[in-house]
Protein backbone atom coordinates (compact mmCIF):
# COMPACT_ATOMS: atom_id res chain seq x y z
CA MET A 1 31.57 -20.94 18.46
CA SER A 2 32.25 -17.35 19.40
CA ASN A 3 31.72 -16.23 23.00
CA SER A 4 31.64 -12.53 22.19
CA ASP A 5 29.01 -10.22 23.68
CA ASN A 6 27.39 -9.94 20.26
CA ASN A 7 26.87 -13.65 19.78
CA ILE A 8 23.28 -14.24 18.67
CA TYR A 9 23.31 -17.95 19.49
CA VAL A 10 23.07 -17.82 23.29
CA SER A 11 22.20 -20.06 26.19
CA GLN A 12 18.87 -20.10 27.98
CA SER A 13 20.34 -18.45 31.05
CA GLN A 14 21.15 -15.22 29.27
CA ASN A 15 18.86 -12.22 29.61
CA GLU A 16 15.82 -11.88 27.30
CA THR A 17 16.47 -15.30 25.77
CA LYS A 18 14.16 -18.29 25.58
CA SER A 19 15.26 -21.77 24.60
CA THR A 20 13.14 -24.77 23.62
CA ASP A 21 15.31 -27.84 23.90
CA SER A 22 13.01 -30.13 21.89
CA HIS A 23 13.63 -28.14 18.74
CA GLY A 24 16.87 -26.37 19.55
CA LEU A 25 15.04 -23.04 19.25
CA HIS A 26 16.66 -19.94 20.69
CA GLU A 27 14.80 -16.65 20.76
CA LYS A 28 16.26 -13.25 21.57
CA ILE A 29 15.39 -9.58 21.10
CA ILE A 30 18.48 -7.69 19.95
CA SER A 31 19.40 -4.30 18.54
CA VAL A 32 20.23 -3.74 14.88
CA SER A 33 23.89 -3.17 15.77
CA GLU A 34 23.99 -6.55 17.55
CA LEU A 35 22.48 -8.26 14.52
CA LEU A 36 24.94 -6.67 12.10
CA SER A 37 27.88 -7.43 14.40
CA GLU A 38 27.30 -11.17 14.14
CA PRO A 39 30.28 -12.45 12.04
CA ARG A 40 28.62 -15.72 11.01
CA LEU A 41 25.57 -14.28 9.22
CA SER A 42 25.25 -15.83 5.79
CA ILE A 43 22.90 -15.94 2.79
CA PRO A 44 22.43 -19.62 1.81
CA ASP A 45 22.34 -20.62 -1.85
CA TYR A 46 18.67 -21.56 -1.72
CA GLN A 47 17.56 -18.05 -0.73
CA ARG A 48 15.49 -16.03 -3.16
CA PRO A 49 17.05 -13.00 -4.91
CA TYR A 50 17.27 -9.63 -3.21
CA LYS A 51 14.33 -7.74 -4.71
CA TRP A 52 13.44 -4.85 -2.43
CA THR A 53 12.57 -1.74 -4.41
CA ALA A 54 13.47 1.88 -3.72
CA GLN A 55 9.94 2.31 -2.37
CA ASN A 56 10.51 -0.47 0.18
CA VAL A 57 13.74 1.18 1.28
CA MET A 58 12.23 4.66 1.62
CA SER A 59 9.27 3.23 3.52
CA LEU A 60 11.65 1.56 6.01
CA PHE A 61 13.57 4.80 6.55
CA ASP A 62 10.32 6.78 6.89
CA ASP A 63 9.14 4.36 9.58
CA ILE A 64 12.43 4.68 11.45
CA ARG A 65 12.30 8.49 11.32
CA MET A 66 8.65 8.53 12.37
CA HIS A 67 9.27 6.39 15.46
CA SER A 68 12.65 7.86 16.48
CA ASP A 69 11.11 9.57 19.52
CA LYS A 70 10.08 6.22 21.02
CA PRO A 71 12.13 4.15 23.52
CA ALA A 72 12.38 1.30 20.99
CA TYR A 73 10.95 0.18 17.66
CA ARG A 74 10.57 -3.43 16.50
CA LEU A 75 11.57 -3.93 12.85
CA GLY A 76 10.46 -7.52 12.55
CA THR A 77 11.67 -11.10 12.83
CA VAL A 78 14.78 -12.88 11.56
CA VAL A 79 14.80 -16.70 11.45
CA LEU A 80 18.26 -18.31 11.36
CA HIS A 81 19.57 -21.83 10.89
CA ASN A 82 22.64 -22.65 12.96
CA ASN A 83 24.66 -24.39 10.24
CA THR A 84 27.34 -26.27 12.19
CA GLU A 85 28.92 -27.75 9.05
CA LYS A 86 29.78 -24.29 7.71
CA SER A 87 29.98 -22.56 11.10
CA SER A 88 27.45 -20.04 9.83
CA LEU A 89 24.08 -18.62 10.77
CA ASP A 90 22.04 -18.95 7.57
CA ILE A 91 19.21 -16.46 7.10
CA VAL A 92 15.99 -18.39 6.47
CA ASP A 93 13.61 -15.43 6.86
CA GLY A 94 14.36 -11.71 7.10
CA GLN A 95 16.95 -11.59 4.34
CA GLN A 96 15.54 -8.55 2.51
CA ARG A 97 15.44 -6.36 5.62
CA THR A 98 18.82 -7.56 6.93
CA LEU A 99 20.57 -6.82 3.65
CA THR A 100 18.96 -3.37 3.52
CA LEU A 101 20.22 -2.64 7.04
CA ILE A 102 23.72 -3.66 5.96
CA LEU A 103 23.46 -1.32 2.96
CA ALA A 104 22.42 1.45 5.37
CA LEU A 105 25.46 0.85 7.55
CA LEU A 106 27.79 0.90 4.55
CA ALA A 107 26.22 4.11 3.24
CA ILE A 108 26.52 5.77 6.66
CA ASN A 109 30.16 4.71 6.96
CA THR A 110 31.02 5.97 3.46
CA TYR A 111 29.35 9.29 4.21
CA CYS A 112 31.42 9.63 7.38
CA GLN A 113 34.67 8.87 5.53
CA HIS A 114 33.95 11.71 3.10
CA ASN A 115 32.98 14.21 5.80
CA GLU A 116 35.43 13.40 8.56
CA GLU A 117 35.86 16.94 9.87
CA SER A 118 32.24 17.74 10.79
CA ASP A 119 31.17 17.46 14.43
CA GLU A 120 28.11 15.43 13.48
CA VAL A 121 30.25 12.87 11.67
CA LYS A 122 32.53 12.56 14.69
CA SER A 123 29.44 11.81 16.78
CA ILE A 124 28.22 9.25 14.23
CA ASN A 125 31.60 7.54 14.28
CA LYS A 126 31.30 7.13 18.03
CA VAL A 127 27.95 5.39 17.52
CA LEU A 128 29.35 3.20 14.74
CA ASP A 129 32.44 2.23 16.75
CA GLU A 130 33.78 -1.08 15.37
CA LEU A 131 30.59 -2.01 13.55
CA PRO A 132 31.82 -1.27 9.98
CA LYS A 133 34.81 -3.57 10.48
CA LYS A 134 32.61 -6.35 11.83
CA VAL A 135 30.24 -6.11 8.86
CA GLN A 136 33.21 -6.40 6.51
CA THR A 137 33.33 -10.15 7.23
CA PHE A 138 29.89 -10.50 5.69
CA ILE A 139 30.70 -8.18 2.77
CA ASN A 140 33.86 -10.10 1.86
CA ARG A 141 31.89 -13.30 1.32
CA PRO A 142 30.16 -13.46 -2.07
CA GLN A 143 26.45 -13.78 -1.23
CA PHE A 144 24.82 -13.57 -4.64
CA LYS A 145 25.73 -14.76 -8.10
CA ASP A 146 22.72 -13.39 -10.00
CA ASP A 147 22.87 -9.96 -11.64
CA PHE A 148 19.31 -9.18 -10.55
CA SER A 149 20.23 -9.17 -6.85
CA LEU A 150 23.49 -7.32 -7.42
CA TYR A 151 21.73 -4.61 -9.41
CA ASN A 152 19.07 -4.13 -6.72
CA LEU A 153 21.71 -3.99 -3.99
CA TYR A 154 23.63 -1.32 -5.90
CA LYS A 155 20.48 0.67 -6.72
CA ASN A 156 19.23 0.64 -3.13
CA TYR A 157 22.68 1.54 -1.79
CA LYS A 158 22.51 4.67 -3.96
CA VAL A 159 19.00 5.43 -2.67
CA ILE A 160 20.18 5.19 0.95
CA SER A 161 23.30 7.24 0.20
CA ASN A 162 21.10 10.00 -1.21
CA ILE A 163 18.82 9.92 1.85
CA ILE A 164 21.83 10.37 4.14
CA SER A 165 23.72 12.93 2.06
CA ARG A 166 20.57 15.09 1.74
CA GLY A 167 20.34 15.29 5.51
CA ASP A 168 17.03 13.40 5.63
CA PHE A 169 18.55 10.88 8.02
CA ILE A 170 20.46 12.73 10.72
CA LEU A 171 22.50 11.77 13.78
CA LYS A 172 19.51 11.09 16.04
CA HIS A 173 17.99 8.79 13.41
CA ILE A 174 21.25 6.89 13.00
CA GLN A 175 21.58 6.50 16.77
CA PHE A 176 17.99 5.30 16.97
CA LEU A 177 18.47 2.82 14.12
CA LEU A 178 21.58 1.20 15.59
CA THR A 179 20.76 1.21 19.29
CA ARG A 180 16.98 1.30 19.74
CA CYS A 181 15.64 -0.42 16.64
CA GLU A 182 15.22 -4.10 17.42
CA VAL A 183 14.66 -7.43 15.72
CA VAL A 184 13.41 -10.70 17.15
CA ILE A 185 15.92 -13.46 16.42
CA PHE A 186 14.95 -17.13 16.23
CA VAL A 187 17.80 -19.62 15.85
CA LEU A 188 17.11 -23.29 15.11
CA ASP A 189 19.63 -26.11 14.97
CA LYS A 190 18.04 -28.06 12.12
CA GLU A 191 17.43 -26.58 8.70
CA SER A 192 14.14 -28.45 8.21
CA GLU A 193 12.85 -27.14 11.53
CA ALA A 194 13.92 -23.62 10.61
CA PHE A 195 11.75 -23.81 7.49
CA GLN A 196 8.86 -25.35 9.41
CA PHE A 197 9.10 -22.54 11.94
CA PHE A 198 9.26 -19.96 9.14
CA ASP A 199 6.13 -21.43 7.55
CA SER A 200 4.23 -21.47 10.84
CA GLN A 201 5.19 -17.86 11.53
CA ASN A 202 3.98 -16.70 8.13
CA SER A 203 0.88 -18.84 7.61
CA ARG A 204 -1.06 -19.84 10.68
CA GLY A 205 -3.98 -21.03 8.57
CA LYS A 206 -3.93 -17.81 6.52
CA ASP A 207 -1.23 -15.28 5.74
CA LEU A 208 -1.60 -11.73 6.96
CA TYR A 209 -3.47 -9.38 4.67
CA PRO A 210 -1.87 -6.03 3.80
CA HIS A 211 -4.68 -4.33 5.74
CA ASP A 212 -3.56 -6.21 8.87
CA LEU A 213 -0.24 -4.35 8.65
CA LEU A 214 -2.09 -1.07 8.16
CA LYS A 215 -4.24 -1.72 11.21
CA ALA A 216 -1.15 -2.30 13.37
CA PHE A 217 0.58 0.82 12.00
CA HIS A 218 -2.36 3.17 12.47
CA LEU A 219 -3.17 1.83 15.93
CA ARG A 220 0.37 2.84 16.93
CA GLU A 221 -0.28 6.30 15.48
CA PHE A 222 -3.63 6.69 17.25
CA LYS A 223 -2.74 9.68 19.45
CA THR A 224 -5.39 9.93 22.15
CA ASP A 225 -5.81 9.13 25.81
CA ASP A 226 -9.55 8.66 25.24
CA GLU A 227 -9.89 4.89 25.23
CA ALA A 228 -13.64 5.12 24.52
CA LEU A 229 -12.93 7.12 21.36
CA ARG A 230 -10.29 4.61 20.28
CA ILE A 231 -12.69 1.69 20.73
CA LYS A 232 -15.52 3.52 18.95
CA THR A 233 -13.30 4.49 16.01
CA VAL A 234 -11.76 1.06 15.47
CA ASP A 235 -15.01 -0.80 16.15
CA TYR A 236 -16.24 -0.38 12.56
CA TRP A 237 -13.04 -1.93 11.23
CA GLU A 238 -13.26 -4.84 13.67
CA ASN A 239 -16.78 -5.66 12.49
CA LEU A 240 -15.73 -6.03 8.85
CA ASP A 241 -14.56 -9.44 7.69
CA ASP A 242 -11.16 -9.80 6.04
CA ASP A 243 -12.49 -10.50 2.54
CA ARG A 244 -14.56 -7.31 2.58
CA LEU A 245 -11.62 -5.21 3.79
CA ASP A 246 -9.35 -6.88 1.26
CA LYS A 247 -11.70 -6.01 -1.63
CA LEU A 248 -12.21 -2.48 -0.34
CA PHE A 249 -8.47 -1.81 -0.46
CA SER A 250 -7.49 -3.97 -3.44
CA ASN A 251 -10.36 -3.32 -5.83
CA TYR A 252 -11.27 0.25 -4.96
CA LEU A 253 -9.17 2.49 -2.69
CA TYR A 254 -5.75 1.34 -3.93
CA ARG A 255 -6.71 1.43 -7.60
CA ILE A 256 -8.46 4.81 -7.47
CA ARG A 257 -5.61 6.47 -5.58
CA ARG A 258 -2.91 5.05 -7.86
CA TRP A 259 -4.79 5.46 -11.16
CA SER A 260 -5.62 9.06 -10.29
CA ARG A 261 -1.85 9.73 -10.40
CA GLY A 262 -1.26 7.67 -13.55
CA GLN A 263 0.43 4.87 -11.57
CA SER A 264 -0.01 1.12 -11.97
CA ALA A 265 -2.35 -0.58 -9.49
CA GLN A 266 -2.73 -4.19 -10.56
CA THR A 267 -2.47 -5.91 -7.18
CA PHE A 268 -2.36 -4.61 -3.61
CA THR A 269 0.29 -6.46 -1.60
CA LYS A 270 2.19 -5.99 1.67
CA ASP A 271 4.82 -4.06 -0.28
CA ASP A 272 2.18 -1.46 -1.23
CA VAL A 273 0.88 -0.51 2.24
CA VAL A 274 2.97 2.68 2.10
CA GLU A 275 0.18 4.03 -0.15
CA PHE A 276 -1.95 4.27 2.99
CA LYS A 277 0.64 5.78 5.31
CA GLY A 278 0.82 9.55 5.45
CA ILE A 279 1.33 12.21 8.09
CA THR A 280 0.90 12.20 11.85
CA LEU A 281 -0.56 15.58 12.73
CA GLU A 282 0.83 15.43 16.27
CA SER A 283 4.41 15.40 14.93
CA LYS A 284 6.52 18.35 16.08
CA THR A 285 7.65 19.25 12.57
CA LEU A 286 5.28 19.16 9.61
CA PRO A 287 5.67 20.64 6.10
CA PRO A 288 3.58 23.74 5.27
CA TYR A 289 1.14 21.91 2.98
CA THR A 290 -0.21 19.98 5.96
CA ARG A 291 -1.58 23.12 7.63
CA ARG A 292 -4.92 22.87 5.84
CA LEU A 293 -5.23 19.23 6.96
CA ALA A 294 -4.34 20.12 10.54
CA ILE A 295 -6.73 23.09 10.61
CA THR A 296 -9.60 20.96 9.29
CA HIS A 297 -8.75 18.12 11.68
CA HIS A 298 -8.74 20.34 14.78
CA TYR A 299 -11.72 22.45 13.67
CA ILE A 300 -13.90 19.36 13.21
CA ASP A 301 -13.00 18.11 16.70
CA ASP A 302 -13.49 21.56 18.21
CA TYR A 303 -16.92 21.99 16.60
CA ASN A 304 -18.13 18.49 17.53
CA ASN A 305 -17.20 19.16 21.17
CA SER A 306 -18.78 22.62 21.21
CA VAL A 307 -22.12 23.81 22.54
CA HIS A 308 -23.11 24.75 18.96
CA CYS A 309 -22.93 21.11 17.90
CA LYS A 310 -24.90 20.01 20.96
CA ILE A 311 -27.65 22.52 20.13
CA ALA A 312 -27.73 21.53 16.44
CA GLY A 313 -27.59 17.86 17.37
CA SER A 314 -25.61 17.03 14.24
CA PRO A 315 -21.86 16.37 14.51
CA THR A 316 -19.77 17.01 11.41
CA ALA A 317 -17.71 14.24 9.82
CA TYR A 318 -14.22 14.89 8.47
CA PRO A 319 -14.54 15.87 4.76
CA PHE A 320 -12.45 13.08 3.26
CA SER A 321 -11.38 12.89 -0.38
CA ILE A 322 -10.29 9.57 -1.78
CA ASP A 323 -7.00 10.90 -3.22
CA GLN A 324 -6.00 13.02 -0.23
CA THR A 325 -2.86 12.71 1.89
CA ILE A 326 -3.50 10.00 4.46
CA ILE A 327 -3.80 11.24 8.04
CA ASN A 328 -2.34 8.56 10.27
CA GLY A 329 -4.16 7.15 13.26
CA ARG A 330 -7.80 7.92 14.03
CA ARG A 331 -8.60 9.69 10.74
CA PHE A 332 -7.37 6.67 8.77
CA PHE A 333 -9.89 4.38 10.46
CA GLU A 334 -12.61 6.98 9.95
CA MET A 335 -11.67 7.28 6.28
CA VAL A 336 -11.92 3.51 5.78
CA ALA A 337 -15.36 3.47 7.44
CA HIS A 338 -16.47 6.40 5.26
CA TYR A 339 -15.47 4.79 1.97
CA ASP A 340 -16.67 1.33 2.91
CA ALA A 341 -20.10 2.86 3.57
CA LEU A 342 -20.03 4.89 0.35
CA ILE A 343 -18.98 1.97 -1.87
CA THR A 344 -21.37 -0.42 -0.15
CA LYS A 345 -24.23 2.05 -0.77
CA TYR A 346 -23.16 2.45 -4.41
CA LYS A 347 -23.22 -1.32 -4.99
CA ALA A 348 -26.49 -1.77 -3.10
CA ILE A 349 -28.17 0.92 -5.21
CA ASN A 350 -27.18 -0.94 -8.36
CA ASN A 351 -28.44 -4.32 -7.14
CA SER A 352 -31.78 -2.97 -5.90
CA GLN A 353 -32.74 -1.07 -9.05
CA ALA A 354 -31.65 -3.25 -11.96
CA SER A 355 -34.70 -3.58 -14.15
CA SER A 356 -35.71 -2.89 -17.74
CA SER A 357 -33.75 -0.50 -19.91
CA GLU A 358 -36.61 2.02 -19.50
CA HIS A 359 -36.28 2.22 -15.69
CA ILE A 360 -35.15 5.67 -14.50
CA PHE A 361 -32.20 5.01 -12.26
CA THR A 362 -31.57 6.98 -9.06
CA LEU A 363 -27.95 7.26 -7.91
CA PHE A 364 -27.27 8.80 -4.51
CA ASP A 365 -30.75 10.38 -4.54
CA HIS A 366 -30.15 11.91 -7.98
CA ALA A 367 -32.42 10.82 -10.83
CA LEU A 368 -30.48 10.06 -14.00
CA ASN A 369 -31.75 10.77 -17.49
CA LYS A 370 -32.91 8.01 -19.84
CA ARG A 371 -29.51 7.52 -21.49
CA ALA A 372 -27.58 7.19 -18.25
CA SER A 373 -30.30 4.98 -16.75
CA LYS A 374 -30.13 2.70 -19.77
CA ILE A 375 -26.36 2.33 -19.27
CA ILE A 376 -26.60 1.39 -15.58
CA ASN A 377 -29.54 -0.94 -16.10
CA THR A 378 -27.82 -2.71 -19.01
CA LEU A 379 -24.55 -3.14 -17.07
CA ASP A 380 -26.46 -4.67 -14.17
CA SER A 381 -28.61 -7.03 -16.23
CA TYR A 382 -27.00 -8.00 -19.55
CA ASN A 383 -26.21 -11.60 -20.52
CA SER A 384 -25.20 -13.31 -17.27
CA TYR A 385 -22.51 -15.45 -18.91
CA GLN A 386 -20.86 -12.43 -20.52
CA ARG A 387 -21.22 -10.37 -17.36
CA ARG A 388 -19.40 -12.99 -15.26
CA ARG A 389 -16.38 -13.24 -17.59
CA LYS A 390 -13.16 -12.00 -16.05
CA GLY A 391 -12.67 -9.31 -18.69
CA ASP A 392 -16.18 -7.95 -18.23
CA LYS A 393 -15.81 -7.86 -14.43
CA LEU A 394 -12.48 -6.04 -14.73
CA THR A 395 -13.98 -3.51 -17.13
CA ARG A 396 -16.91 -2.94 -14.77
CA ASN A 397 -14.42 -2.29 -11.97
CA VAL A 398 -12.74 0.45 -14.04
CA PHE A 399 -16.11 2.08 -14.73
CA ASP A 400 -17.27 1.80 -11.09
CA ASN A 401 -14.00 3.22 -9.76
CA ALA A 402 -14.07 6.16 -12.19
CA LEU A 403 -17.68 6.95 -11.27
CA ILE A 404 -16.98 6.62 -7.52
CA TYR A 405 -13.98 8.93 -7.92
CA TYR A 406 -16.13 11.48 -9.79
CA ILE A 407 -18.94 11.36 -7.18
CA ASP A 408 -16.42 11.61 -4.35
CA LYS A 409 -15.00 14.80 -5.87
CA PHE A 410 -18.02 16.49 -7.47
CA GLY A 411 -21.08 14.86 -5.91
CA THR A 412 -24.06 14.38 -8.23
CA GLU A 413 -23.60 17.56 -10.30
CA GLU A 414 -23.65 16.74 -14.05
CA LEU A 415 -23.96 13.09 -13.00
CA PRO A 416 -25.94 11.75 -16.03
CA GLN A 417 -23.32 13.16 -18.42
CA ALA A 418 -20.53 11.73 -16.27
CA VAL A 419 -22.13 8.25 -16.29
CA GLU A 420 -22.34 8.25 -20.09
CA LEU A 421 -18.84 9.62 -20.59
CA LEU A 422 -17.19 7.21 -18.14
CA PHE A 423 -19.09 4.26 -19.62
CA ALA A 424 -17.97 5.06 -23.18
CA TRP A 425 -14.38 5.53 -22.01
CA ALA A 426 -14.21 2.41 -19.81
CA TYR A 427 -16.05 -0.03 -22.07
CA SER A 428 -14.20 0.98 -25.22
CA ILE A 429 -11.44 -1.27 -23.86
CA ARG A 430 -13.93 -4.18 -23.69
CA LEU A 431 -15.07 -3.72 -27.30
CA THR A 432 -11.61 -3.34 -28.80
CA ASN A 433 -9.99 -6.35 -27.09
CA TYR A 434 -10.81 -10.01 -27.60
CA SER A 435 -9.82 -10.65 -23.99
CA VAL A 436 -9.31 -8.13 -21.21
CA SER A 437 -6.70 -8.82 -18.53
CA LEU A 438 -5.63 -6.94 -15.44
CA THR A 439 -2.69 -5.57 -17.40
CA THR A 440 -5.05 -4.36 -20.15
CA ILE A 441 -7.24 -2.34 -17.80
CA ASP A 442 -4.26 -1.09 -15.81
CA LYS A 443 -2.69 0.40 -18.94
CA HIS A 444 -6.03 1.93 -19.96
CA ALA A 445 -6.62 3.46 -16.53
CA THR A 446 -3.13 4.95 -16.17
CA LYS A 447 -3.02 6.79 -19.49
CA SER A 448 -2.38 10.52 -19.13
CA THR A 449 -5.35 11.10 -21.46
CA GLY A 450 -7.60 8.78 -19.43
CA MET A 451 -10.49 9.74 -17.18
CA PHE A 452 -8.78 9.15 -13.84
CA MET A 453 -6.15 11.78 -14.61
CA CYS A 454 -8.88 14.00 -16.06
CA ILE A 455 -10.93 13.85 -12.83
CA ASN A 456 -7.81 14.40 -10.76
CA GLU A 457 -6.89 17.57 -12.65
CA ALA A 458 -10.44 18.93 -13.00
CA THR A 459 -11.59 21.83 -10.82
CA LEU A 460 -15.22 21.75 -11.96
CA PRO A 461 -17.55 18.93 -13.15
CA LYS A 462 -17.75 20.53 -16.59
CA ASN A 463 -13.98 20.03 -17.00
CA VAL A 464 -14.74 16.30 -16.99
CA VAL A 465 -18.01 16.05 -18.91
CA ILE A 466 -16.85 18.14 -21.88
CA THR A 467 -14.23 15.46 -22.64
CA SER A 468 -14.74 14.05 -26.12
CA ILE A 469 -14.87 10.26 -26.43
CA PRO A 470 -14.47 9.28 -30.10
CA SER A 471 -16.85 6.78 -31.64
CA LEU A 472 -15.44 3.32 -32.35
CA LYS A 473 -15.09 2.14 -35.94
CA ILE A 474 -16.30 -1.35 -36.83
CA ILE A 475 -12.78 -2.25 -37.90
CA GLU A 476 -11.49 -1.45 -34.39
CA LEU A 477 -13.80 -3.94 -32.67
CA ALA A 478 -12.57 -7.32 -31.46
CA THR A 479 -14.01 -10.28 -33.36
CA ASN A 480 -16.08 -11.39 -30.36
CA GLN A 481 -17.56 -7.89 -29.98
CA LYS A 482 -18.68 -7.18 -33.57
CA PRO A 483 -22.40 -6.81 -34.46
CA GLU A 484 -22.81 -10.45 -35.48
CA SER A 485 -21.49 -11.65 -32.08
CA GLY A 486 -24.61 -10.45 -30.30
CA SER A 487 -22.57 -8.48 -27.76
CA ASP A 488 -24.84 -6.56 -25.40
CA ILE A 489 -22.15 -3.95 -24.86
CA TYR A 490 -21.86 -3.40 -28.61
CA MET A 491 -25.62 -2.91 -28.93
CA LEU A 492 -25.59 -0.41 -26.07
CA PHE A 493 -22.73 1.51 -27.69
CA ASP A 494 -24.59 1.50 -30.98
CA SER A 495 -27.87 2.72 -29.46
CA LEU A 496 -26.00 5.63 -27.83
CA ASN A 497 -24.28 6.53 -31.14
CA TYR A 498 -20.77 5.57 -30.03
CA ILE A 499 -20.27 3.29 -33.07
CA ASP A 500 -19.12 4.77 -36.36
CA THR A 501 -20.62 2.61 -39.11
CA SER A 502 -19.59 4.88 -41.97
CA GLY A 503 -16.62 2.70 -42.89
CA ALA A 504 -18.29 -0.65 -42.19
């Protein structure tokens, strides 16, 4: 076994290292350059394919850039099995990130070779030192046999090369990545124990939710010395249970934000948390478009701390919009509280008013007309078996999200017309499909001619409500939605004249 300074597998006496003899566990915090210098790193045959996307890569580099002014930044954990038979350190957990870091090193080295004369490159080479040669040991060993992994490695290498060649990742970022970005290394002597440890790290009763990662990120970006304000701001989040937060992000915020840009939003996972990371207004350099966000941010704080606010007795909340650029830190937590309250109120209004089809429905203190009231009342009270079907619940989610998006942008102006329009658009997918899956609604919601894109591009409510929704022909209806099926949704469509019976 190597005795070099870079050796990951170390004795208990060495600095920053803990050893548990009963399991042969060795723990150490090391820099990225130390990790990549280890000559015995290996990808075992049982490992899953390399499947990080370009978005994962760019998110990693964004995080590194964002934290480059800090003394150190922890990138995560790597679990290794000390394979004595092969004299290798097999990566049990942390493969995706480790491979991406190796791609980064190779891209940096290639860039330097092609720009040898510049002063910045000479400085980068001093930081790299012998690291490229040490990584070559790993590169020379074939790690993957499947084309899927090889393609993703090549694609992400090109992404990283573009980031570096564009000048988005400069000398100070490279220095920070190699010397002050850290990983926590766990080395176990037995393969079975390595997997047991990996499982315990990733599922102590329940795996982390994506919103847990967002909480940690935005707490780091909470720029204030006012501990009372920090506690007050985060307190709302802390009082929400995980299932409620999970549904808020997965079923509403993530889908509305993505669908409004015509992007798929089927499931919200840890790989998608970048959707809720944005700008830190305290950063020294910000692009021009952020000025309006910064002005609003500081004005709101200035007014709420002013004598005018104390006289009026009514502080002003930040005017959030659901599709806006995320403001990291305090405003993120405030935004989550704002939309949780709005969506909770929306759902509570529905549950409290469901009655007969003649009941005039009030939505956010705005009385709807008879047609819109009939729609909401029917959706809240039609055949319970049909209403609980997966396809019906998914369709209702599309309608609710479109209506929430409209109200968030335009308030209650032209609301009855918007309710009718969004119902006809959303539920046409229910009537024309025998079964409705998550993929079905996702395709419907992301169409460029759909209502999410329409609301996104609209500047006035009338731009939305003048949209023409064509009537459905009998021949277009799914067999389980035709008149003889007794479908409540069909009968509602028919009563509102959204069924064309001329060719029946």
